[in-house]
Amino acid sequence: MAMNREQKRAMQKRGLAGADGSPVATRERRTPTTRPTNEPRTPIRQVFREIVAEMRKTSWPTRDETMRLAVIVFVTVVVLTLLIFGMDLGFGWLFDHLYNTTPKSTTSASAVSLIRAIS
């Protein structure tokens, strides 16, 4: 990389370049650690024993707590569903009336002609 004198001096002041302008290593690089390839695998029976031991340590809720929390979730889902349903109906009604998308005369005229055709 070609550098002018000003760039070389700035790098020398920061300690990134030597007296001749060549870059100076700022830190030592670590060599990556190699993982031993001959490491014995954990037997599957031991894995399952450890899983069961961890499951025993878990604090499980009681039946009453589970039922109470399930009811709370159910009620919350029902309330939010009704809220979204109501908002959908309200916005639908609002935009139908704002943009007048359903012509009233055509609907009533077709209903009247249908009744006459049946009679």
PDB file of N, CA and C in Angstrom:
ATOM      1  N   MET A   1       0.847  -1.170   0.000  1.00  0.00           N
ATOM      2  CA  MET A   1       0.000   0.000   0.000  1.00  0.00           C
ATOM      3  C   MET A   1       0.892   1.232   0.000  1.00  0.00           C
ATOM      4  N   ALA A   2       0.640   2.090  -0.928  1.00  0.00           N
ATOM      5  CA  ALA A   2       1.452   3.308  -1.031  1.00  0.00           C
ATOM      6  C   ALA A   2       0.903   4.364  -0.078  1.00  0.00           C
ATOM      7  N   MET A   3       1.827   4.931   0.746  1.00  0.00           N
ATOM      8  CA  MET A   3       1.432   5.963   1.698  1.00  0.00           C
ATOM      9  C   MET A   3       2.313   7.182   1.478  1.00  0.00           C
ATOM     10  N   ASN A   4       1.718   8.360   1.683  1.00  0.00           N
ATOM     11  CA  ASN A   4       2.526   9.576   1.607  1.00  0.00           C
ATOM     12  C   ASN A   4       3.167   9.853   2.971  1.00  0.00           C
ATOM     13  N   ARG A   5       3.975  10.894   3.039  1.00  0.00           N
ATOM     14  CA  ARG A   5       4.703  11.203   4.277  1.00  0.00           C
ATOM     15  C   ARG A   5       3.769  11.475   5.441  1.00  0.00           C
ATOM     16  N   GLU A   6       2.690  12.176   5.169  1.00  0.00           N
ATOM     17  CA  GLU A   6       1.757  12.532   6.243  1.00  0.00           C
ATOM     18  C   GLU A   6       1.133  11.275   6.858  1.00  0.00           C
ATOM     19  N   GLN A   7       0.741  10.340   6.031  1.00  0.00           N
ATOM     20  CA  GLN A   7       0.163   9.104   6.534  1.00  0.00           C
ATOM     21  C   GLN A   7       1.189   8.296   7.330  1.00  0.00           C
ATOM     22  N   LYS A   8       2.440   8.239   6.834  1.00  0.00           N
ATOM     23  CA  LYS A   8       3.488   7.502   7.549  1.00  0.00           C
ATOM     24  C   LYS A   8       3.741   8.101   8.909  1.00  0.00           C
ATOM     25  N   ARG A   9       3.818   9.437   8.990  1.00  0.00           N
ATOM     26  CA  ARG A   9       4.078  10.100  10.275  1.00  0.00           C
ATOM     27  C   ARG A   9       2.926   9.869  11.244  1.00  0.00           C
ATOM     28  N   ALA A  10       1.677   9.920  10.721  1.00  0.00           N
ATOM     29  CA  ALA A  10       0.525   9.691  11.599  1.00  0.00           C
ATOM     30  C   ALA A  10       0.552   8.260  12.150  1.00  0.00           C
ATOM     31  N   MET A  11       0.911   7.305  11.305  1.00  0.00           N
ATOM     32  CA  MET A  11       0.985   5.917  11.763  1.00  0.00           C
ATOM     33  C   MET A  11       2.131   5.716  12.757  1.00  0.00           C
ATOM     34  N   GLN A  12       3.248   6.428  12.551  1.00  0.00           N
ATOM     35  CA  GLN A  12       4.368   6.321  13.484  1.00  0.00           C
ATOM     36  C   GLN A  12       3.985   6.897  14.841  1.00  0.00           C
ATOM     37  N   LYS A  13       3.229   8.011  14.857  1.00  0.00           N
ATOM     38  CA  LYS A  13       2.795   8.617  16.123  1.00  0.00           C
ATOM     39  C   LYS A  13       1.882   7.673  16.889  1.00  0.00           C
ATOM     40  N   ARG A  14       1.037   6.944  16.180  1.00  0.00           N
ATOM     41  CA  ARG A  14       0.120   6.008  16.831  1.00  0.00           C
ATOM     42  C   ARG A  14       0.781   4.681  17.162  1.00  0.00           C
ATOM     43  N   GLY A  15       2.009   4.497  16.701  1.00  0.00           N
ATOM     44  CA  GLY A  15       2.735   3.272  16.987  1.00  0.00           C
ATOM     45  C   GLY A  15       2.396   2.140  16.043  1.00  0.00           C
ATOM     46  N   LEU A  16       1.807   2.463  14.903  1.00  0.00           N
ATOM     47  CA  LEU A  16       1.424   1.432  13.955  1.00  0.00           C
ATOM     48  C   LEU A  16       2.468   1.213  12.872  1.00  0.00           C
ATOM     49  N   ALA A  17       3.483   2.084  12.821  1.00  0.00           N
ATOM     50  CA  ALA A  17       4.522   1.955  11.798  1.00  0.00           C
ATOM     51  C   ALA A  17       5.881   2.196  12.440  1.00  0.00           C
ATOM     52  N   GLY A  18       6.896   1.515  11.893  1.00  0.00           N
ATOM     53  CA  GLY A  18       8.263   1.688  12.390  1.00  0.00           C
ATOM     54  C   GLY A  18       8.889   2.956  11.811  1.00  0.00           C
ATOM     55  N   ALA A  19      10.183   3.153  12.084  1.00  0.00           N
ATOM     56  CA  ALA A  19      10.891   4.346  11.617  1.00  0.00           C
ATOM     57  C   ALA A  19      10.959   4.403  10.093  1.00  0.00           C
ATOM     58  N   ASP A  20      11.011   3.254   9.450  1.00  0.00           N
ATOM     59  CA  ASP A  20      11.089   3.252   7.993  1.00  0.00           C
ATOM     60  C   ASP A  20       9.711   3.266   7.324  1.00  0.00           C
ATOM     61  N   GLY A  21       8.615   3.262   8.132  1.00  0.00           N
ATOM     62  CA  GLY A  21       7.262   3.312   7.578  1.00  0.00           C
ATOM     63  C   GLY A  21       6.631   1.957   7.381  1.00  0.00           C
ATOM     64  N   SER A  22       7.360   0.886   7.702  1.00  0.00           N
ATOM     65  CA  SER A  22       6.785  -0.444   7.547  1.00  0.00           C
ATOM     66  C   SER A  22       5.837  -0.734   8.708  1.00  0.00           C
ATOM     67  N   PRO A  23       4.776  -1.464   8.468  1.00  0.00           N
ATOM     68  CA  PRO A  23       3.804  -1.753   9.534  1.00  0.00           C
ATOM     69  C   PRO A  23       4.439  -2.564  10.654  1.00  0.00           C
ATOM     70  N   VAL A  24       3.985  -2.270  11.878  1.00  0.00           N
ATOM     71  CA  VAL A  24       4.457  -2.971  13.064  1.00  0.00           C
ATOM     72  C   VAL A  24       3.318  -3.864  13.554  1.00  0.00           C
ATOM     73  N   ALA A  25       3.661  -5.072  13.945  1.00  0.00           N
ATOM     74  CA  ALA A  25       2.643  -5.967  14.494  1.00  0.00           C
ATOM     75  C   ALA A  25       2.130  -5.376  15.798  1.00  0.00           C
ATOM     76  N   THR A  26       0.836  -5.169  15.896  1.00  0.00           N
ATOM     77  CA  THR A  26       0.268  -4.520  17.076  1.00  0.00           C
ATOM     78  C   THR A  26      -0.028  -5.500  18.197  1.00  0.00           C
ATOM     79  N   ARG A  27      -0.249  -6.761  17.848  1.00  0.00           N
ATOM     80  CA  ARG A  27      -0.527  -7.746  18.887  1.00  0.00           C
ATOM     81  C   ARG A  27      -0.085  -9.113  18.399  1.00  0.00           C
ATOM     82  N   GLU A  28       0.136  -9.962  19.351  1.00  0.00           N
ATOM     83  CA  GLU A  28       0.530 -11.318  18.994  1.00  0.00           C
ATOM     84  C   GLU A  28      -0.710 -12.128  18.677  1.00  0.00           C
ATOM     85  N   ARG A  29      -0.627 -12.898  17.668  1.00  0.00           N
ATOM     86  CA  ARG A  29      -1.751 -13.747  17.288  1.00  0.00           C
ATOM     87  C   ARG A  29      -1.631 -15.087  18.000  1.00  0.00           C
ATOM     88  N   ARG A  30      -2.740 -15.529  18.529  1.00  0.00           N
ATOM     89  CA  ARG A  30      -2.759 -16.831  19.187  1.00  0.00           C
ATOM     90  C   ARG A  30      -2.986 -17.914  18.151  1.00  0.00           C
ATOM     91  N   THR A  31      -2.396 -19.019  18.385  1.00  0.00           N
ATOM     92  CA  THR A  31      -2.645 -20.144  17.498  1.00  0.00           C
ATOM     93  C   THR A  31      -3.930 -20.823  17.956  1.00  0.00           C
ATOM     94  N   PRO A  32      -4.755 -21.229  17.030  1.00  0.00           N
ATOM     95  CA  PRO A  32      -6.006 -21.856  17.437  1.00  0.00           C
ATOM     96  C   PRO A  32      -5.741 -23.188  18.132  1.00  0.00           C
ATOM     97  N   THR A  33      -6.520 -23.434  19.154  1.00  0.00           N
ATOM     98  CA  THR A  33      -6.359 -24.689  19.891  1.00  0.00           C
ATOM     99  C   THR A  33      -6.983 -25.816  19.090  1.00  0.00           C
ATOM    100  N   THR A  34      -6.318 -26.915  19.067  1.00  0.00           N
ATOM    101  CA  THR A  34      -6.844 -28.064  18.349  1.00  0.00           C
ATOM    102  C   THR A  34      -7.571 -28.963  19.324  1.00  0.00           C
ATOM    103  N   ARG A  35      -8.688 -29.452  18.902  1.00  0.00           N
ATOM    104  CA  ARG A  35      -9.490 -30.332  19.737  1.00  0.00           C
ATOM    105  C   ARG A  35      -8.969 -31.755  19.601  1.00  0.00           C
ATOM    106  N   PRO A  36      -8.812 -32.422  20.704  1.00  0.00           N
ATOM    107  CA  PRO A  36      -8.318 -33.802  20.591  1.00  0.00           C
ATOM    108  C   PRO A  36      -9.339 -34.665  19.854  1.00  0.00           C
ATOM    109  N   THR A  37      -8.854 -35.417  18.898  1.00  0.00           N
ATOM    110  CA  THR A  37      -9.757 -36.234  18.087  1.00  0.00           C
ATOM    111  C   THR A  37     -10.038 -37.581  18.718  1.00  0.00           C
ATOM    112  N   ASN A  38      -9.221 -38.014  19.620  1.00  0.00           N
ATOM    113  CA  ASN A  38      -9.390 -39.331  20.227  1.00  0.00           C
ATOM    114  C   ASN A  38     -10.131 -39.257  21.563  1.00  0.00           C
ATOM    115  N   GLU A  39     -10.924 -38.226  21.761  1.00  0.00           N
ATOM    116  CA  GLU A  39     -11.663 -38.082  23.010  1.00  0.00           C
ATOM    117  C   GLU A  39     -12.780 -39.127  23.044  1.00  0.00           C
ATOM    118  N   PRO A  40     -12.904 -39.869  24.133  1.00  0.00           N
ATOM    119  CA  PRO A  40     -13.939 -40.909  24.181  1.00  0.00           C
ATOM    120  C   PRO A  40     -15.338 -40.281  24.230  1.00  0.00           C
ATOM    121  N   ARG A  41     -16.254 -40.897  23.522  1.00  0.00           N
ATOM    122  CA  ARG A  41     -17.635 -40.400  23.495  1.00  0.00           C
ATOM    123  C   ARG A  41     -18.366 -40.847  24.748  1.00  0.00           C
ATOM    124  N   THR A  42     -19.315 -40.027  25.181  1.00  0.00           N
ATOM    125  CA  THR A  42     -20.113 -40.361  26.358  1.00  0.00           C
ATOM    126  C   THR A  42     -21.124 -41.439  25.964  1.00  0.00           C
ATOM    127  N   PRO A  43     -21.215 -42.491  26.737  1.00  0.00           N
ATOM    128  CA  PRO A  43     -22.187 -43.549  26.409  1.00  0.00           C
ATOM    129  C   PRO A  43     -23.620 -43.031  26.496  1.00  0.00           C
ATOM    130  N   ILE A  44     -24.493 -43.560  25.668  1.00  0.00           N
ATOM    131  CA  ILE A  44     -25.877 -43.084  25.596  1.00  0.00           C
ATOM    132  C   ILE A  44     -26.624 -43.325  26.904  1.00  0.00           C
ATOM    133  N   ARG A  45     -26.287 -44.403  27.613  1.00  0.00           N
ATOM    134  CA  ARG A  45     -26.941 -44.658  28.898  1.00  0.00           C
ATOM    135  C   ARG A  45     -26.614 -43.561  29.912  1.00  0.00           C
ATOM    136  N   GLN A  46     -25.377 -43.081  29.893  1.00  0.00           N
ATOM    137  CA  GLN A  46     -24.978 -42.015  30.809  1.00  0.00           C
ATOM    138  C   GLN A  46     -25.695 -40.713  30.451  1.00  0.00           C
ATOM    139  N   VAL A  47     -25.860 -40.459  29.175  1.00  0.00           N
ATOM    140  CA  VAL A  47     -26.569 -39.246  28.747  1.00  0.00           C
ATOM    141  C   VAL A  47     -27.987 -39.264  29.293  1.00  0.00           C
ATOM    142  N   PHE A  48     -28.675 -40.406  29.153  1.00  0.00           N
ATOM    143  CA  PHE A  48     -30.050 -40.488  29.645  1.00  0.00           C
ATOM    144  C   PHE A  48     -30.114 -40.417  31.169  1.00  0.00           C
ATOM    145  N   ARG A  49     -29.130 -40.988  31.864  1.00  0.00           N
ATOM    146  CA  ARG A  49     -29.094 -40.871  33.319  1.00  0.00           C
ATOM    147  C   ARG A  49     -28.970 -39.407  33.740  1.00  0.00           C
ATOM    148  N   GLU A  50     -28.128 -38.661  33.037  1.00  0.00           N
ATOM    149  CA  GLU A  50     -27.954 -37.241  33.364  1.00  0.00           C
ATOM    150  C   GLU A  50     -29.214 -36.443  33.058  1.00  0.00           C
ATOM    151  N   ILE A  51     -29.901 -36.802  31.984  1.00  0.00           N
ATOM    152  CA  ILE A  51     -31.158 -36.114  31.653  1.00  0.00           C
ATOM    153  C   ILE A  51     -32.184 -36.346  32.758  1.00  0.00           C
ATOM    154  N   VAL A  52     -32.321 -37.596  33.191  1.00  0.00           N
ATOM    155  CA  VAL A  52     -33.285 -37.911  34.249  1.00  0.00           C
ATOM    156  C   VAL A  52     -32.906 -37.188  35.538  1.00  0.00           C
ATOM    157  N   ALA A  53     -31.620 -37.119  35.854  1.00  0.00           N
ATOM    158  CA  ALA A  53     -31.176 -36.415  37.066  1.00  0.00           C
ATOM    159  C   ALA A  53     -31.521 -34.930  36.993  1.00  0.00           C
ATOM    160  N   GLU A  54     -31.346 -34.320  35.822  1.00  0.00           N
ATOM    161  CA  GLU A  54     -31.688 -32.898  35.676  1.00  0.00           C
ATOM    162  C   GLU A  54     -33.191 -32.683  35.755  1.00  0.00           C
ATOM    163  N   MET A  55     -33.979 -33.616  35.215  1.00  0.00           N
ATOM    164  CA  MET A  55     -35.436 -33.487  35.269  1.00  0.00           C
ATOM    165  C   MET A  55     -35.935 -33.588  36.715  1.00  0.00           C
ATOM    166  N   ARG A  56     -35.247 -34.383  37.534  1.00  0.00           N
ATOM    167  CA  ARG A  56     -35.642 -34.481  38.943  1.00  0.00           C
ATOM    168  C   ARG A  56     -35.358 -33.181  39.699  1.00  0.00           C
ATOM    169  N   LYS A  57     -34.363 -32.446  39.262  1.00  0.00           N
ATOM    170  CA  LYS A  57     -34.018 -31.179  39.917  1.00  0.00           C
ATOM    171  C   LYS A  57     -35.009 -30.069  39.562  1.00  0.00           C
ATOM    172  N   THR A  58     -35.769 -30.261  38.480  1.00  0.00           N
ATOM    173  CA  THR A  58     -36.686 -29.230  38.000  1.00  0.00           C
ATOM    174  C   THR A  58     -37.822 -29.029  38.983  1.00  0.00           C
ATOM    175  N   SER A  59     -38.206 -27.796  39.199  1.00  0.00           N
ATOM    176  CA  SER A  59     -39.328 -27.475  40.069  1.00  0.00           C
ATOM    177  C   SER A  59     -40.600 -27.463  39.218  1.00  0.00           C
ATOM    178  N   TRP A  60     -41.396 -28.524  39.310  1.00  0.00           N
ATOM    179  CA  TRP A  60     -42.597 -28.649  38.499  1.00  0.00           C
ATOM    180  C   TRP A  60     -43.769 -27.986  39.217  1.00  0.00           C
ATOM    181  N   PRO A  61     -44.694 -27.354  38.475  1.00  0.00           N
ATOM    182  CA  PRO A  61     -45.863 -26.733  39.125  1.00  0.00           C
ATOM    183  C   PRO A  61     -46.837 -27.808  39.616  1.00  0.00           C
ATOM    184  N   THR A  62     -47.615 -27.435  40.624  1.00  0.00           N
ATOM    185  CA  THR A  62     -48.630 -28.362  41.137  1.00  0.00           C
ATOM    186  C   THR A  62     -49.804 -28.394  40.166  1.00  0.00           C
ATOM    187  N   ARG A  63     -50.721 -29.331  40.385  1.00  0.00           N
ATOM    188  CA  ARG A  63     -51.896 -29.451  39.514  1.00  0.00           C
ATOM    189  C   ARG A  63     -52.747 -28.188  39.587  1.00  0.00           C
ATOM    190  N   ASP A  64     -52.903 -27.628  40.805  1.00  0.00           N
ATOM    191  CA  ASP A  64     -53.705 -26.407  40.958  1.00  0.00           C
ATOM    192  C   ASP A  64     -53.076 -25.231  40.212  1.00  0.00           C
ATOM    193  N   GLU A  65     -51.754 -25.094  40.314  1.00  0.00           N
ATOM    194  CA  GLU A  65     -51.075 -24.015  39.586  1.00  0.00           C
ATOM    195  C   GLU A  65     -51.244 -24.181  38.083  1.00  0.00           C
ATOM    196  N   THR A  66     -51.127 -25.420  37.604  1.00  0.00           N
ATOM    197  CA  THR A  66     -51.267 -25.680  36.180  1.00  0.00           C
ATOM    198  C   THR A  66     -52.672 -25.333  35.704  1.00  0.00           C
ATOM    199  N   MET A  67     -53.683 -25.732  36.454  1.00  0.00           N
ATOM    200  CA  MET A  67     -55.069 -25.437  36.070  1.00  0.00           C
ATOM    201  C   MET A  67     -55.329 -23.930  36.092  1.00  0.00           C
ATOM    202  N   ARG A  68     -54.833 -23.253  37.123  1.00  0.00           N
ATOM    203  CA  ARG A  68     -55.045 -21.803  37.232  1.00  0.00           C
ATOM    204  C   ARG A  68     -54.398 -21.082  36.061  1.00  0.00           C
ATOM    205  N   LEU A  69     -53.175 -21.458  35.730  1.00  0.00           N
ATOM    206  CA  LEU A  69     -52.484 -20.799  34.618  1.00  0.00           C
ATOM    207  C   LEU A  69     -53.129 -21.137  33.274  1.00  0.00           C
ATOM    208  N   ALA A  70     -53.633 -22.362  33.128  1.00  0.00           N
ATOM    209  CA  ALA A  70     -54.315 -22.737  31.880  1.00  0.00           C
ATOM    210  C   ALA A  70     -55.591 -21.922  31.705  1.00  0.00           C
ATOM    211  N   VAL A  71     -56.336 -21.715  32.793  1.00  0.00           N
ATOM    212  CA  VAL A  71     -57.557 -20.905  32.719  1.00  0.00           C
ATOM    213  C   VAL A  71     -57.216 -19.462  32.361  1.00  0.00           C
ATOM    214  N   ILE A  72     -56.160 -18.930  32.938  1.00  0.00           N
ATOM    215  CA  ILE A  72     -55.748 -17.557  32.629  1.00  0.00           C
ATOM    216  C   ILE A  72     -55.409 -17.433  31.144  1.00  0.00           C
ATOM    217  N   VAL A  73     -54.669 -18.397  30.616  1.00  0.00           N
ATOM    218  CA  VAL A  73     -54.308 -18.371  29.200  1.00  0.00           C
ATOM    219  C   VAL A  73     -55.553 -18.472  28.332  1.00  0.00           C
ATOM    220  N   PHE A  74     -56.472 -19.385  28.681  1.00  0.00           N
ATOM    221  CA  PHE A  74     -57.685 -19.564  27.896  1.00  0.00           C
ATOM    222  C   PHE A  74     -58.526 -18.292  27.885  1.00  0.00           C
ATOM    223  N   VAL A  75     -58.735 -17.692  29.044  1.00  0.00           N
ATOM    224  CA  VAL A  75     -59.527 -16.455  29.140  1.00  0.00           C
ATOM    225  C   VAL A  75     -58.858 -15.336  28.345  1.00  0.00           C
ATOM    226  N   THR A  76     -57.555 -15.216  28.435  1.00  0.00           N
ATOM    227  CA  THR A  76     -56.838 -14.179  27.699  1.00  0.00           C
ATOM    228  C   THR A  76     -56.992 -14.379  26.196  1.00  0.00           C
ATOM    229  N   VAL A  77     -56.889 -15.620  25.728  1.00  0.00           N
ATOM    230  CA  VAL A  77     -57.041 -15.894  24.299  1.00  0.00           C
ATOM    231  C   VAL A  77     -58.454 -15.548  23.837  1.00  0.00           C
ATOM    232  N   VAL A  78     -59.465 -15.916  24.623  1.00  0.00           N
ATOM    233  CA  VAL A  78     -60.848 -15.618  24.250  1.00  0.00           C
ATOM    234  C   VAL A  78     -61.080 -14.110  24.210  1.00  0.00           C
ATOM    235  N   VAL A  79     -60.595 -13.394  25.216  1.00  0.00           N
ATOM    236  CA  VAL A  79     -60.794 -11.938  25.261  1.00  0.00           C
ATOM    237  C   VAL A  79     -60.104 -11.260  24.076  1.00  0.00           C
ATOM    238  N   LEU A  80     -58.875 -11.637  23.793  1.00  0.00           N
ATOM    239  CA  LEU A  80     -58.170 -11.021  22.668  1.00  0.00           C
ATOM    240  C   LEU A  80     -58.811 -11.391  21.334  1.00  0.00           C
ATOM    241  N   THR A  81     -59.315 -12.621  21.213  1.00  0.00           N
ATOM    242  CA  THR A  81     -60.007 -13.013  19.991  1.00  0.00           C
ATOM    243  C   THR A  81     -61.259 -12.176  19.790  1.00  0.00           C
ATOM    244  N   LEU A  82     -62.040 -11.995  20.846  1.00  0.00           N
ATOM    245  CA  LEU A  82     -63.241 -11.166  20.745  1.00  0.00           C
ATOM    246  C   LEU A  82     -62.897  -9.714  20.431  1.00  0.00           C
ATOM    247  N   LEU A  83     -61.826  -9.222  21.017  1.00  0.00           N
ATOM    248  CA  LEU A  83     -61.400  -7.852  20.752  1.00  0.00           C
ATOM    249  C   LEU A  83     -61.019  -7.669  19.282  1.00  0.00           C
ATOM    250  N   ILE A  84     -60.233  -8.578  18.761  1.00  0.00           N
ATOM    251  CA  ILE A  84     -59.821  -8.476  17.359  1.00  0.00           C
ATOM    252  C   ILE A  84     -61.025  -8.664  16.436  1.00  0.00           C
ATOM    253  N   PHE A  85     -61.935  -9.590  16.781  1.00  0.00           N
ATOM    254  CA  PHE A  85     -63.133  -9.798  15.986  1.00  0.00           C
ATOM    255  C   PHE A  85     -63.982  -8.528  15.961  1.00  0.00           C
ATOM    256  N   GLY A  86     -64.159  -7.902  17.129  1.00  0.00           N
ATOM    257  CA  GLY A  86     -64.937  -6.661  17.199  1.00  0.00           C
ATOM    258  C   GLY A  86     -64.289  -5.535  16.407  1.00  0.00           C
ATOM    259  N   MET A  87     -62.966  -5.426  16.507  1.00  0.00           N
ATOM    260  CA  MET A  87     -62.276  -4.378  15.741  1.00  0.00           C
ATOM    261  C   MET A  87     -62.417  -4.629  14.241  1.00  0.00           C
ATOM    262  N   ASP A  88     -62.345  -5.893  13.824  1.00  0.00           N
ATOM    263  CA  ASP A  88     -62.502  -6.232  12.417  1.00  0.00           C
ATOM    264  C   ASP A  88     -63.898  -5.863  11.927  1.00  0.00           C
ATOM    265  N   LEU A  89     -64.927  -6.209  12.712  1.00  0.00           N
ATOM    266  CA  LEU A  89     -66.293  -5.836  12.324  1.00  0.00           C
ATOM    267  C   LEU A  89     -66.462  -4.318  12.282  1.00  0.00           C
ATOM    268  N   GLY A  90     -65.918  -3.643  13.291  1.00  0.00           N
ATOM    269  CA  GLY A  90     -66.049  -2.183  13.336  1.00  0.00           C
ATOM    270  C   GLY A  90     -65.371  -1.494  12.169  1.00  0.00           C
ATOM    271  N   PHE A  91     -64.131  -1.891  11.872  1.00  0.00           N
ATOM    272  CA  PHE A  91     -63.440  -1.279  10.739  1.00  0.00           C
ATOM    273  C   PHE A  91     -64.114  -1.634   9.423  1.00  0.00           C
ATOM    274  N   GLY A  92     -64.609  -2.867   9.319  1.00  0.00           N
ATOM    275  CA  GLY A  92     -65.328  -3.253   8.100  1.00  0.00           C
ATOM    276  C   GLY A  92     -66.561  -2.401   7.890  1.00  0.00           C
ATOM    277  N   TRP A  93     -67.349  -2.237   8.960  1.00  0.00           N
ATOM    278  CA  TRP A  93     -68.544  -1.396   8.878  1.00  0.00           C
ATOM    279  C   TRP A  93     -68.171   0.047   8.539  1.00  0.00           C
ATOM    280  N   LEU A  94     -67.125   0.567   9.187  1.00  0.00           N
ATOM    281  CA  LEU A  94     -66.697   1.947   8.955  1.00  0.00           C
ATOM    282  C   LEU A  94     -66.300   2.172   7.499  1.00  0.00           C
ATOM    283  N   PHE A  95     -65.478   1.283   6.955  1.00  0.00           N
ATOM    284  CA  PHE A  95     -65.020   1.473   5.575  1.00  0.00           C
ATOM    285  C   PHE A  95     -66.129   1.200   4.567  1.00  0.00           C
ATOM    286  N   ASP A  96     -67.054   0.293   4.886  1.00  0.00           N
ATOM    287  CA  ASP A  96     -68.206   0.102   3.997  1.00  0.00           C
ATOM    288  C   ASP A  96     -69.034   1.379   3.911  1.00  0.00           C
ATOM    289  N   HIS A  97     -69.231   2.039   5.040  1.00  0.00           N
ATOM    290  CA  HIS A  97     -70.025   3.269   5.032  1.00  0.00           C
ATOM    291  C   HIS A  97     -69.244   4.467   4.502  1.00  0.00           C
ATOM    292  N   LEU A  98     -67.928   4.493   4.725  1.00  0.00           N
ATOM    293  CA  LEU A  98     -67.135   5.602   4.191  1.00  0.00           C
ATOM    294  C   LEU A  98     -67.053   5.557   2.676  1.00  0.00           C
ATOM    295  N   TYR A  99     -66.831   4.375   2.135  1.00  0.00           N
ATOM    296  CA  TYR A  99     -66.648   4.248   0.688  1.00  0.00           C
ATOM    297  C   TYR A  99     -67.906   3.793  -0.025  1.00  0.00           C
ATOM    298  N   ASN A 100     -68.961   3.498   0.730  1.00  0.00           N
ATOM    299  CA  ASN A 100     -70.254   3.111   0.180  1.00  0.00           C
ATOM    300  C   ASN A 100     -70.075   2.031  -0.884  1.00  0.00           C
ATOM    301  N   THR A 101     -69.499   0.920  -0.510  1.00  0.00           N
ATOM    302  CA  THR A 101     -69.159  -0.127  -1.470  1.00  0.00           C
ATOM    303  C   THR A 101     -70.350  -0.977  -1.883  1.00  0.00           C
ATOM    304  N   THR A 102     -71.411  -1.037  -1.067  1.00  0.00           N
ATOM    305  CA  THR A 102     -72.574  -1.836  -1.439  1.00  0.00           C
ATOM    306  C   THR A 102     -73.706  -0.905  -1.845  1.00  0.00           C
ATOM    307  N   PRO A 103     -74.104  -0.926  -3.129  1.00  0.00           N
ATOM    308  CA  PRO A 103     -75.224  -0.068  -3.551  1.00  0.00           C
ATOM    309  C   PRO A 103     -76.529  -0.595  -2.961  1.00  0.00           C
ATOM    310  N   LYS A 104     -77.272   0.283  -2.277  1.00  0.00           N
ATOM    311  CA  LYS A 104     -78.475  -0.130  -1.553  1.00  0.00           C
ATOM    312  C   LYS A 104     -79.638  -0.407  -2.509  1.00  0.00           C
ATOM    313  N   SER A 105     -79.765   0.362  -3.572  1.00  0.00           N
ATOM    314  CA  SER A 105     -80.908   0.193  -4.473  1.00  0.00           C
ATOM    315  C   SER A 105     -80.830  -1.127  -5.231  1.00  0.00           C
ATOM    316  N   THR A 106     -79.657  -1.543  -5.623  1.00  0.00           N
ATOM    317  CA  THR A 106     -79.491  -2.783  -6.371  1.00  0.00           C
ATOM    318  C   THR A 106     -79.830  -3.983  -5.494  1.00  0.00           C
ATOM    319  N   THR A 107     -79.417  -3.931  -4.236  1.00  0.00           N
ATOM    320  CA  THR A 107     -79.649  -5.049  -3.327  1.00  0.00           C
ATOM    321  C   THR A 107     -81.133  -5.214  -3.063  1.00  0.00           C
ATOM    322  N   SER A 108     -81.828  -4.132  -2.772  1.00  0.00           N
ATOM    323  CA  SER A 108     -83.264  -4.230  -2.473  1.00  0.00           C
ATOM    324  C   SER A 108     -84.062  -4.552  -3.729  1.00  0.00           C
ATOM    325  N   ALA A 109     -83.649  -4.042  -4.885  1.00  0.00           N
ATOM    326  CA  ALA A 109     -84.362  -4.317  -6.121  1.00  0.00           C
ATOM    327  C   ALA A 109     -84.213  -5.793  -6.503  1.00  0.00           C
ATOM    328  N   SER A 110     -83.037  -6.353  -6.300  1.00  0.00           N
ATOM    329  CA  SER A 110     -82.870  -7.757  -6.632  1.00  0.00           C
ATOM    330  C   SER A 110     -83.649  -8.637  -5.674  1.00  0.00           C
ATOM    331  N   ALA A 111     -83.753  -8.238  -4.409  1.00  0.00           N
ATOM    332  CA  ALA A 111     -84.513  -9.014  -3.435  1.00  0.00           C
ATOM    333  C   ALA A 111     -86.003  -8.974  -3.802  1.00  0.00           C
ATOM    334  N   VAL A 112     -86.486  -7.822  -4.204  1.00  0.00           N
ATOM    335  CA  VAL A 112     -87.899  -7.686  -4.584  1.00  0.00           C
ATOM    336  C   VAL A 112     -88.183  -8.513  -5.835  1.00  0.00           C
ATOM    337  N   SER A 113     -87.287  -8.474  -6.830  1.00  0.00           N
ATOM    338  CA  SER A 113     -87.505  -9.254  -8.041  1.00  0.00           C
ATOM    339  C   SER A 113     -87.423 -10.751  -7.745  1.00  0.00           C
ATOM    340  N   LEU A 114     -86.623 -11.167  -6.815  1.00  0.00           N
ATOM    341  CA  LEU A 114     -86.529 -12.566  -6.423  1.00  0.00           C
ATOM    342  C   LEU A 114     -87.834 -13.039  -5.793  1.00  0.00           C
ATOM    343  N   ILE A 115     -88.407 -12.197  -4.926  1.00  0.00           N
ATOM    344  CA  ILE A 115     -89.671 -12.533  -4.258  1.00  0.00           C
ATOM    345  C   ILE A 115     -90.780 -12.633  -5.300  1.00  0.00           C
ATOM    346  N   ARG A 116     -90.822 -11.723  -6.280  1.00  0.00           N
ATOM    347  CA  ARG A 116     -91.837 -11.761  -7.320  1.00  0.00           C
ATOM    348  C   ARG A 116     -91.690 -13.006  -8.175  1.00  0.00           C
ATOM    349  N   ALA A 117     -90.435 -13.390  -8.425  1.00  0.00           N
ATOM    350  CA  ALA A 117     -90.223 -14.567  -9.268  1.00  0.00           C
ATOM    351  C   ALA A 117     -90.687 -15.830  -8.571  1.00  0.00           C
ATOM    352  N   ILE A 118     -90.567 -15.890  -7.260  1.00  0.00           N
ATOM    353  CA  ILE A 118     -90.989 -17.074  -6.516  1.00  0.00           C
ATOM    354  C   ILE A 118     -92.518 -17.144  -6.468  1.00  0.00           C
ATOM    355  N   SER A 119     -93.206 -16.004  -6.360  1.00  0.00           N
ATOM    356  CA  SER A 119     -94.663 -15.980  -6.208  1.00  0.00           C
ATOM    357  C   SER A 119     -95.416 -16.362  -7.432  1.00  0.00           C
TER     358      SER A 119
END
